[in-house]
Protein backbone atom coordinates (compact mmCIF):
# COMPACT_ATOMS: atom_id res chain seq x y z
CA UNK A 1 100.94 71.27 70.98
CA UNK A 2 103.54 74.51 71.47
CA UNK A 3 103.49 76.89 74.28
CA UNK A 4 101.96 79.22 71.45
CA UNK A 5 99.09 77.40 70.75
CA UNK A 6 98.47 76.65 74.62
CA UNK A 7 98.55 80.28 75.32
CA UNK A 8 96.30 81.49 72.08
CA UNK A 9 93.87 78.83 73.29
CA UNK A 10 94.08 80.13 77.17
CA UNK A 11 93.38 83.95 75.82
CA UNK A 12 90.48 82.98 73.67
CA UNK A 13 88.88 81.01 76.60
CA UNK A 14 89.69 84.41 78.61
CA UNK A 15 87.91 86.51 75.77
CA UNK A 16 85.35 84.40 75.87
CA UNK A 17 85.12 84.74 79.59
CA UNK A 18 84.95 88.24 79.39
CA UNK A 19 82.37 88.52 77.21
CA UNK A 20 80.47 86.61 78.92
CA UNK A 21 80.99 88.35 81.61
CA UNK A 22 79.78 91.42 79.84
CA UNK A 23 83.00 93.13 79.10
CA UNK A 24 84.04 94.01 75.53
CA UNK A 25 87.54 92.64 73.50
CA UNK A 26 88.92 95.65 72.02
CA UNK A 27 92.44 93.94 71.47
CA UNK A 28 94.16 90.40 71.58
CA UNK A 29 98.10 90.18 71.69
CA UNK A 30 98.46 94.09 71.01
CA UNK A 31 102.11 94.27 70.72
CA UNK A 32 104.35 97.57 71.32
CA UNK A 33 107.64 98.32 73.48
CA UNK A 34 109.67 94.36 73.42
CA UNK A 35 106.26 93.02 74.78
CA UNK A 36 103.00 92.80 75.04
CA UNK A 37 99.33 92.41 76.57
CA UNK A 38 96.96 89.65 76.07
CA UNK A 39 93.85 91.27 76.18
CA UNK A 40 92.67 94.74 76.62
CA UNK A 41 88.82 95.37 77.05
CA UNK A 42 86.32 97.32 78.44
CA UNK A 43 84.99 96.25 81.42
CA UNK A 44 81.75 98.69 82.69
CA UNK A 45 83.63 101.55 82.30
CA UNK A 46 86.88 100.45 82.64
CA UNK A 47 89.61 99.85 80.42
CA UNK A 48 91.34 96.74 81.53
CA UNK A 49 94.48 95.81 80.38
CA UNK A 50 94.57 92.19 80.92
CA UNK A 51 97.00 89.51 81.29
CA UNK A 52 96.42 85.63 80.86
CA UNK A 53 98.22 82.76 83.09
CA UNK A 54 97.46 79.01 82.51
CA UNK A 55 98.81 76.51 84.94
CA UNK A 56 97.80 72.66 84.47
CA UNK A 57 98.96 72.49 88.12
CA UNK A 58 99.94 73.24 91.50
CA UNK A 59 103.44 72.46 91.06
CA UNK A 60 105.25 75.83 89.93
CA UNK A 61 102.78 77.98 91.88
CA UNK A 62 99.50 79.29 91.06
CA UNK A 63 98.74 81.16 87.77
CA UNK A 64 98.38 84.52 89.02
CA UNK A 65 101.65 84.52 90.97
CA UNK A 66 103.07 84.27 87.58
CA UNK A 67 102.96 87.80 86.66
CA UNK A 68 105.61 88.91 88.44
CA UNK A 69 107.37 91.85 88.87
CA UNK A 70 108.94 92.52 85.46
CA UNK A 71 105.79 91.12 83.47
CA UNK A 72 103.88 94.00 85.78
CA UNK A 73 106.67 96.39 84.57
CA UNK A 74 106.19 95.92 81.07
CA UNK A 75 102.49 95.67 80.93
CA UNK A 76 102.37 99.45 82.82
CA UNK A 77 104.68 100.49 80.19
CA UNK A 78 102.74 98.98 77.54
CA UNK A 79 99.32 100.36 78.39
CA UNK A 80 100.61 103.80 78.46
CA UNK A 81 102.14 103.36 74.87
CA UNK A 82 98.40 102.56 74.03
CA UNK A 83 96.68 105.27 75.38
CA UNK A 84 99.14 107.67 73.76
CA UNK A 85 98.81 106.04 70.47
CA UNK A 86 95.05 104.57 70.24
CA UNK A 87 92.86 106.13 72.91
CA UNK A 88 94.69 109.74 72.59
CA UNK A 89 93.97 110.63 76.25
CA UNK A 90 95.42 109.43 79.76
CA UNK A 91 91.92 111.07 81.04
CA UNK A 92 90.05 107.17 81.24
CA UNK A 93 89.88 105.07 83.95
CA UNK A 94 92.29 102.13 83.74
CA UNK A 95 92.43 98.07 85.67
CA UNK A 96 95.40 95.57 85.07
CA UNK A 97 93.50 92.64 85.79
CA UNK A 98 95.08 88.92 85.89
CA UNK A 99 92.72 85.92 84.58
CA UNK A 100 93.85 82.74 86.13
CA UNK A 101 93.14 79.32 84.34
CA UNK A 102 93.79 76.31 86.20
CA UNK A 103 93.12 72.47 86.03
CA UNK A 104 92.68 70.19 83.25
CA UNK A 105 90.77 70.77 79.96
CA UNK A 106 87.20 68.80 81.30
CA UNK A 107 87.18 71.07 84.63
CA UNK A 108 89.00 74.34 84.30
CA UNK A 109 89.11 77.09 86.60
CA UNK A 110 88.85 80.19 85.44
CA UNK A 111 89.38 83.26 88.11
CA UNK A 112 89.44 86.81 86.59
CA UNK A 113 91.42 88.98 89.52
CA UNK A 114 89.83 92.35 88.85
CA UNK A 115 92.74 95.74 90.03
CA UNK A 116 95.06 92.88 90.64
CA UNK A 117 98.00 95.52 90.65
CA UNK A 118 98.85 98.89 90.60
CA UNK A 119 100.78 100.91 87.93
CA UNK A 120 104.18 100.38 88.36
């Protein structure tokens, strides 16, 4: 399976996890400003910008550690564009989350790190 298909599979799994946890998906793979945000969702009163990372094993580090400074900065920039263009307001509570998925397909571990990082 190519990387895009693998990514789509795990992003769909993350969407399902958010919905089962009481969240509501607004966008998947939102693209703007030379980048994308995997999932934009509501979790309670928070508008969440969610990055999904998968690692089969820990050889290359944990999935959550793969969200580096550059990726965080890109997500923050795109989130402001989303607020400006779609929501038309900056006066709502937002959060930057990471959903980390690890393991093999028959034994996956999903962790939702709410408020995983601050605005950069």
